[in-house]
N, C-alpha and C. Protein backbone atom coordinates (compact mmCIF):
# COMPACT_ATOMS: atom_id res chain seq x y z
N MET A 1 -19.71 -31.10 4.01
CA MET A 1 -20.81 -30.49 3.63
C MET A 1 -20.62 -29.28 2.75
N ARG A 2 -21.32 -29.06 1.53
CA ARG A 2 -20.98 -28.05 0.80
C ARG A 2 -22.18 -26.98 0.80
N ILE A 3 -21.86 -25.71 0.88
CA ILE A 3 -22.76 -24.72 0.87
C ILE A 3 -22.19 -23.63 -0.16
N SER A 4 -22.85 -23.22 -1.15
CA SER A 4 -22.62 -22.28 -2.18
C SER A 4 -21.25 -22.78 -2.73
N GLY A 5 -20.90 -23.92 -2.94
CA GLY A 5 -19.75 -24.33 -3.60
C GLY A 5 -18.51 -24.33 -2.73
N VAL A 6 -18.70 -24.20 -1.50
CA VAL A 6 -17.64 -24.08 -0.51
C VAL A 6 -17.68 -25.36 0.51
N ASN A 7 -16.67 -25.90 0.71
CA ASN A 7 -16.62 -27.16 1.56
C ASN A 7 -16.50 -26.45 3.01
N VAL A 8 -17.53 -26.43 3.86
CA VAL A 8 -17.49 -26.03 5.24
C VAL A 8 -17.15 -27.10 6.16
N PRO A 9 -16.28 -26.88 7.17
CA PRO A 9 -15.82 -27.90 8.07
C PRO A 9 -16.95 -28.49 8.88
N ASP A 10 -16.94 -29.90 9.03
CA ASP A 10 -17.98 -30.49 9.78
C ASP A 10 -17.74 -30.39 11.24
N ASP A 11 -16.54 -30.28 11.77
CA ASP A 11 -16.25 -30.30 13.22
C ASP A 11 -16.55 -29.09 13.92
N LYS A 12 -16.77 -27.99 13.19
CA LYS A 12 -16.95 -26.58 13.75
C LYS A 12 -18.46 -26.34 13.94
N LYS A 13 -18.81 -25.38 14.87
CA LYS A 13 -20.07 -24.93 15.24
C LYS A 13 -20.44 -24.14 13.74
N ILE A 14 -21.79 -24.28 13.43
CA ILE A 14 -22.33 -23.83 12.22
C ILE A 14 -22.01 -22.46 12.02
N LYS A 15 -22.20 -21.64 13.03
CA LYS A 15 -21.93 -20.19 12.95
C LYS A 15 -20.55 -19.80 12.39
N ILE A 16 -19.61 -20.53 12.88
CA ILE A 16 -18.24 -20.40 12.49
C ILE A 16 -18.14 -20.94 11.07
N ALA A 17 -18.65 -22.23 10.78
CA ALA A 17 -18.48 -22.95 9.56
C ALA A 17 -19.03 -22.06 8.35
N LEU A 18 -20.13 -21.33 8.62
CA LEU A 18 -20.77 -20.55 7.58
C LEU A 18 -19.78 -19.28 7.15
N SER A 19 -18.93 -18.98 8.14
CA SER A 19 -18.10 -17.78 7.77
C SER A 19 -16.93 -18.22 6.81
N TYR A 20 -16.83 -19.58 6.44
CA TYR A 20 -15.86 -19.88 5.55
C TYR A 20 -16.37 -19.50 4.19
N VAL A 21 -17.62 -19.22 3.93
CA VAL A 21 -18.16 -18.72 2.73
C VAL A 21 -17.81 -17.22 2.48
N TYR A 22 -17.16 -16.85 1.38
CA TYR A 22 -16.75 -15.53 1.34
C TYR A 22 -17.86 -14.64 1.15
N GLY A 23 -17.80 -13.61 1.87
CA GLY A 23 -18.94 -12.69 2.05
C GLY A 23 -19.89 -12.84 3.21
N ILE A 24 -19.62 -13.87 3.95
CA ILE A 24 -20.37 -14.22 5.11
C ILE A 24 -19.51 -14.10 6.34
N GLY A 25 -19.88 -13.18 7.29
CA GLY A 25 -19.05 -13.11 8.44
C GLY A 25 -19.80 -13.76 9.73
N LEU A 26 -19.22 -13.64 10.77
CA LEU A 26 -19.90 -14.05 12.06
C LEU A 26 -21.36 -13.57 12.28
N PHE A 27 -21.52 -12.20 12.09
CA PHE A 27 -22.75 -11.50 12.47
C PHE A 27 -23.88 -12.08 11.32
N SER A 28 -23.51 -11.97 10.01
CA SER A 28 -24.25 -12.60 9.03
C SER A 28 -24.77 -13.96 9.20
N ALA A 29 -23.64 -14.69 9.74
CA ALA A 29 -23.95 -16.20 9.77
C ALA A 29 -25.12 -16.33 10.98
N VAL A 30 -24.87 -15.60 12.18
CA VAL A 30 -25.87 -15.79 13.10
C VAL A 30 -27.24 -15.32 12.86
N LYS A 31 -27.24 -14.20 11.96
CA LYS A 31 -28.54 -13.69 11.33
C LYS A 31 -29.30 -14.65 10.63
N ILE A 32 -28.60 -15.35 9.59
CA ILE A 32 -29.04 -16.19 8.81
C ILE A 32 -29.58 -17.43 9.56
N LEU A 33 -28.91 -17.89 10.63
CA LEU A 33 -29.35 -19.17 11.54
C LEU A 33 -30.52 -18.75 12.25
N ARG A 34 -30.61 -17.48 12.62
CA ARG A 34 -31.82 -17.19 13.49
C ARG A 34 -32.91 -16.92 12.41
N GLU A 35 -32.88 -16.81 11.32
CA GLU A 35 -33.97 -16.87 10.29
C GLU A 35 -34.34 -18.21 10.04
N VAL A 36 -33.45 -19.18 10.09
CA VAL A 36 -33.75 -20.46 9.60
C VAL A 36 -34.33 -21.33 10.95
N ASN A 37 -34.11 -20.61 12.14
CA ASN A 37 -34.46 -21.38 13.44
C ASN A 37 -33.38 -22.46 13.57
N VAL A 38 -32.05 -22.27 13.52
CA VAL A 38 -31.08 -23.28 13.81
C VAL A 38 -30.35 -22.72 14.90
N ASP A 39 -30.03 -23.65 15.89
CA ASP A 39 -29.00 -23.15 16.88
C ASP A 39 -27.59 -23.04 16.33
N PRO A 40 -27.21 -21.75 16.69
CA PRO A 40 -25.84 -21.39 16.17
C PRO A 40 -24.68 -22.32 16.79
N GLU A 41 -25.05 -22.94 17.89
CA GLU A 41 -23.95 -23.69 18.61
C GLU A 41 -23.90 -25.11 18.19
N LYS A 42 -24.94 -25.46 17.25
CA LYS A 42 -24.90 -26.95 16.65
C LYS A 42 -23.89 -27.14 15.78
N LYS A 43 -23.16 -28.39 15.77
CA LYS A 43 -22.17 -28.61 14.79
C LYS A 43 -22.74 -28.70 13.43
N ALA A 44 -21.75 -28.37 12.40
CA ALA A 44 -22.12 -28.38 11.15
C ALA A 44 -22.60 -29.77 10.55
N LYS A 45 -21.81 -30.91 11.25
CA LYS A 45 -22.30 -32.18 10.65
C LYS A 45 -23.73 -32.66 11.40
N ALA A 46 -24.22 -32.02 12.36
CA ALA A 46 -25.52 -32.42 12.99
C ALA A 46 -26.57 -31.73 12.20
N LEU A 47 -26.34 -30.86 11.18
CA LEU A 47 -27.47 -30.33 10.42
C LEU A 47 -28.23 -31.35 9.55
N THR A 48 -29.42 -31.17 9.42
CA THR A 48 -30.12 -32.06 8.53
C THR A 48 -30.13 -31.53 7.13
N SER A 49 -30.44 -32.28 6.06
CA SER A 49 -30.37 -31.73 4.85
C SER A 49 -31.50 -30.74 4.52
N ASP A 50 -32.59 -30.79 5.29
CA ASP A 50 -33.63 -29.60 5.20
C ASP A 50 -33.10 -28.30 5.47
N GLU A 51 -32.39 -28.29 6.76
CA GLU A 51 -31.67 -27.17 7.36
C GLU A 51 -30.74 -26.64 6.45
N VAL A 52 -29.88 -27.47 5.70
CA VAL A 52 -28.87 -27.04 4.90
C VAL A 52 -29.40 -26.37 3.62
N ASN A 53 -30.66 -26.90 3.13
CA ASN A 53 -31.28 -26.40 1.92
C ASN A 53 -31.86 -25.06 2.13
N LYS A 54 -32.32 -24.85 3.40
CA LYS A 54 -33.10 -23.49 3.91
C LYS A 54 -31.71 -22.49 3.85
N ILE A 55 -30.78 -22.92 4.52
CA ILE A 55 -29.57 -21.96 4.56
C ILE A 55 -29.20 -21.50 3.14
N GLN A 56 -28.99 -22.61 2.32
CA GLN A 56 -28.66 -22.25 0.79
C GLN A 56 -29.60 -21.49 0.22
N SER A 57 -30.97 -21.41 0.36
CA SER A 57 -31.95 -20.83 -0.20
C SER A 57 -31.76 -19.34 0.29
N ILE A 58 -31.64 -19.10 1.56
CA ILE A 58 -31.41 -17.71 2.11
C ILE A 58 -30.12 -17.07 1.39
N LEU A 59 -29.08 -17.83 1.34
CA LEU A 59 -27.80 -17.32 0.95
C LEU A 59 -28.08 -16.84 -0.65
N THR A 60 -28.70 -17.67 -1.47
CA THR A 60 -28.78 -17.32 -2.79
C THR A 60 -29.73 -15.93 -3.05
N LYS A 61 -30.82 -16.05 -2.31
CA LYS A 61 -31.75 -15.02 -2.29
C LYS A 61 -31.28 -13.60 -1.94
N GLY A 62 -30.76 -13.56 -0.71
CA GLY A 62 -30.39 -12.21 -0.04
C GLY A 62 -29.06 -11.88 0.05
N TYR A 63 -28.02 -12.67 -0.34
CA TYR A 63 -26.66 -12.09 -0.21
C TYR A 63 -25.88 -12.54 -1.37
N LYS A 64 -25.16 -11.48 -1.57
CA LYS A 64 -23.96 -11.56 -2.77
C LYS A 64 -22.73 -12.36 -2.01
N ILE A 65 -22.46 -13.47 -2.60
CA ILE A 65 -21.27 -14.32 -1.92
C ILE A 65 -20.40 -14.75 -2.99
N GLU A 66 -19.21 -15.27 -2.67
CA GLU A 66 -18.27 -15.95 -3.54
C GLU A 66 -17.89 -15.34 -4.79
N GLY A 67 -18.07 -15.81 -5.94
CA GLY A 67 -17.79 -15.40 -7.23
C GLY A 67 -18.42 -14.05 -7.51
N GLU A 68 -19.76 -13.85 -7.19
CA GLU A 68 -20.34 -12.83 -7.53
C GLU A 68 -19.86 -11.46 -6.72
N LEU A 69 -19.66 -11.67 -5.56
CA LEU A 69 -19.00 -10.59 -4.68
C LEU A 69 -17.71 -10.16 -5.08
N ARG A 70 -16.78 -11.22 -5.47
CA ARG A 70 -15.38 -10.87 -5.97
C ARG A 70 -15.55 -10.14 -7.37
N GLN A 71 -16.42 -10.51 -8.19
CA GLN A 71 -16.72 -9.74 -9.38
C GLN A 71 -17.02 -8.30 -9.03
N ILE A 72 -17.93 -8.14 -8.20
CA ILE A 72 -18.39 -6.73 -7.96
C ILE A 72 -17.13 -5.95 -7.40
N ILE A 73 -16.42 -6.44 -6.49
CA ILE A 73 -15.22 -5.71 -5.85
C ILE A 73 -14.23 -5.49 -6.92
N ARG A 74 -14.00 -6.48 -7.91
CA ARG A 74 -13.09 -6.22 -8.91
C ARG A 74 -13.47 -5.05 -9.84
N GLN A 75 -14.92 -4.99 -9.95
CA GLN A 75 -15.37 -3.99 -10.92
C GLN A 75 -15.34 -2.62 -10.17
N ASN A 76 -15.51 -2.43 -8.91
CA ASN A 76 -15.35 -1.32 -8.28
C ASN A 76 -13.92 -0.77 -8.28
N ILE A 77 -12.87 -1.69 -8.11
CA ILE A 77 -11.52 -1.22 -8.10
C ILE A 77 -11.24 -0.89 -9.60
N PHE A 78 -11.61 -1.64 -10.56
CA PHE A 78 -11.34 -1.25 -12.01
C PHE A 78 -12.06 0.22 -12.28
N ARG A 79 -13.12 0.67 -11.76
CA ARG A 79 -13.91 1.79 -12.05
C ARG A 79 -13.02 2.87 -11.45
N LEU A 80 -12.24 2.70 -10.26
CA LEU A 80 -11.51 3.74 -9.45
C LEU A 80 -10.35 3.93 -10.33
N LYS A 81 -9.64 2.79 -10.88
CA LYS A 81 -8.59 2.92 -11.69
C LYS A 81 -8.79 3.67 -13.04
N ASP A 82 -10.09 3.38 -13.53
CA ASP A 82 -10.41 4.03 -14.75
C ASP A 82 -10.71 5.62 -14.82
N ILE A 83 -11.19 6.05 -13.64
CA ILE A 83 -11.53 7.42 -13.37
C ILE A 83 -10.27 8.14 -12.96
N LYS A 84 -9.25 7.24 -12.61
CA LYS A 84 -7.95 7.87 -12.15
C LYS A 84 -8.12 8.60 -10.77
N SER A 85 -8.83 8.08 -9.88
CA SER A 85 -8.95 8.56 -8.62
C SER A 85 -7.63 8.31 -7.84
N TYR A 86 -7.59 8.86 -6.62
CA TYR A 86 -6.43 8.78 -5.81
C TYR A 86 -6.28 7.24 -5.35
N ARG A 87 -7.42 6.72 -4.98
CA ARG A 87 -7.60 5.32 -4.46
C ARG A 87 -7.21 4.46 -5.67
N GLY A 88 -7.70 4.81 -6.86
CA GLY A 88 -7.45 3.87 -8.07
C GLY A 88 -5.90 3.85 -8.48
N THR A 89 -5.23 5.07 -8.26
CA THR A 89 -3.81 5.06 -8.67
C THR A 89 -3.05 4.44 -7.55
N ARG A 90 -3.54 4.25 -6.39
CA ARG A 90 -2.89 3.45 -5.32
C ARG A 90 -3.03 1.94 -5.66
N HIS A 91 -4.32 1.56 -5.95
CA HIS A 91 -4.53 0.23 -6.36
C HIS A 91 -3.56 -0.07 -7.54
N ALA A 92 -3.58 0.76 -8.52
CA ALA A 92 -2.72 0.42 -9.85
C ALA A 92 -1.10 0.19 -9.35
N LYS A 93 -0.72 1.08 -8.38
CA LYS A 93 0.60 0.95 -8.02
C LYS A 93 0.91 -0.12 -6.85
N ARG A 94 -0.13 -0.84 -6.32
CA ARG A 94 -0.14 -1.87 -5.51
C ARG A 94 0.44 -1.46 -4.21
N LEU A 95 -0.01 -0.15 -3.85
CA LEU A 95 0.25 0.51 -2.54
C LEU A 95 -1.03 0.51 -1.58
N PRO A 96 -0.81 0.82 -0.36
CA PRO A 96 -1.95 0.89 0.46
C PRO A 96 -2.83 2.00 -0.11
N ALA A 97 -4.26 1.87 0.16
CA ALA A 97 -5.02 2.80 -0.43
C ALA A 97 -5.85 3.50 0.66
N ARG A 98 -5.66 3.19 1.94
CA ARG A 98 -6.49 3.79 2.97
C ARG A 98 -5.80 4.56 3.88
N GLY A 99 -4.66 5.19 3.43
CA GLY A 99 -4.06 6.14 4.26
C GLY A 99 -2.97 5.56 5.25
N GLN A 100 -2.53 4.24 4.93
CA GLN A 100 -1.60 3.73 5.85
C GLN A 100 -0.19 4.30 5.49
N ARG A 101 0.74 4.10 6.47
CA ARG A 101 2.04 4.79 6.16
C ARG A 101 2.79 3.72 5.31
N THR A 102 3.82 4.18 4.52
CA THR A 102 4.44 3.33 3.77
C THR A 102 6.05 3.46 4.13
N LYS A 103 6.34 4.44 4.81
CA LYS A 103 7.84 4.44 5.09
C LYS A 103 8.33 3.27 5.98
N SER A 104 7.64 2.79 6.93
CA SER A 104 7.97 1.74 7.71
C SER A 104 7.24 0.49 7.60
N ASN A 105 6.10 0.55 7.00
CA ASN A 105 5.25 -0.56 6.78
C ASN A 105 5.11 -0.92 5.20
N SER A 106 4.50 -1.85 4.73
CA SER A 106 4.21 -2.31 3.57
C SER A 106 5.56 -2.35 2.69
N ARG A 107 6.52 -2.97 3.32
CA ARG A 107 7.84 -3.17 2.70
C ARG A 107 7.77 -4.18 1.56
N THR A 108 7.03 -5.24 1.81
CA THR A 108 7.06 -6.27 0.75
C THR A 108 6.43 -5.85 -0.41
N VAL A 109 5.24 -5.26 -0.43
CA VAL A 109 4.63 -4.50 -1.49
C VAL A 109 5.61 -3.60 -2.35
N ARG A 110 6.34 -2.79 -1.72
CA ARG A 110 7.16 -1.87 -2.31
C ARG A 110 8.57 -2.40 -2.88
N GLY A 111 8.75 -3.74 -2.51
CA GLY A 111 9.93 -4.48 -3.07
C GLY A 111 11.31 -4.08 -2.36
N ASN A 112 10.86 -3.76 -0.86
CA ASN A 112 12.04 -3.46 -0.01
C ASN A 112 12.10 -4.34 1.12
N VAL A 113 12.40 -5.81 0.76
CA VAL A 113 12.42 -6.74 1.88
C VAL A 113 13.67 -6.90 2.42
N ARG A 114 13.77 -6.79 3.76
CA ARG A 114 15.02 -6.82 4.56
C ARG A 114 15.24 -8.03 5.31
N LYS A 115 16.16 -8.86 4.93
CA LYS A 115 16.31 -10.04 5.51
C LYS A 115 17.02 -9.96 6.91
N THR A 116 17.98 -9.01 7.00
CA THR A 116 18.59 -8.80 8.32
C THR A 116 18.36 -7.20 8.59
N ALA A 117 18.45 -7.00 9.86
CA ALA A 117 18.27 -5.47 10.28
C ALA A 117 19.44 -4.66 9.62
N GLY A 118 19.00 -3.59 9.15
CA GLY A 118 19.96 -2.54 8.39
C GLY A 118 20.41 -2.97 7.10
N SER A 119 19.99 -3.97 6.52
CA SER A 119 20.31 -4.26 5.13
C SER A 119 19.13 -4.23 4.32
N GLY A 120 19.34 -4.21 3.10
CA GLY A 120 18.34 -4.28 2.06
C GLY A 120 17.48 -3.04 1.71
N LYS A 121 17.98 -1.92 2.05
CA LYS A 121 17.51 -0.63 1.56
C LYS A 121 17.66 -0.55 0.08
N ARG A 122 16.81 -0.08 -0.57
CA ARG A 122 16.85 0.07 -1.94
C ARG A 122 17.98 0.94 -2.43
N LYS A 123 18.91 0.39 -3.22
CA LYS A 123 20.12 0.88 -3.67
C LYS A 123 19.70 1.88 -4.76
N VAL A 124 20.19 3.10 -4.62
CA VAL A 124 19.97 4.19 -5.74
C VAL A 124 21.02 4.19 -6.74
N GLU A 125 20.67 4.08 -7.94
CA GLU A 125 21.68 3.98 -9.19
C GLU A 125 22.49 5.23 -9.39
N LEU A 126 23.75 5.23 -9.45
CA LEU A 126 24.45 6.32 -9.67
C LEU A 126 24.56 6.74 -11.14
N LYS A 127 24.23 7.71 -11.50
CA LYS A 127 24.35 8.10 -12.95
C LYS A 127 25.62 8.74 -13.46
């Protein structure tokens, strides 16, 4: 079954299957199903085409999902980079932007991957 261009799994409950759509979480999925009067515990393959159409119409009317949401997020990050805010510069450097520590975490982002314990620290070039 396809909803908003996404193949949702048939063997899962519809409240879980709807969360496969980018921008729809468990809370939103239950809210949508309550609006359409569909049992959230029902399997996705048990839905009628009328119920699927109702869900689809609610998603297109009231929610920003998939490509549109990704585009909005990308524009917001670009705006932060453009105004050279702290968060924008962190995004540009591909570092954590929300205050996480970087000394011991985010090694792979910083290019400091250690295969074995104690090795792999960044070598400082001698001049």
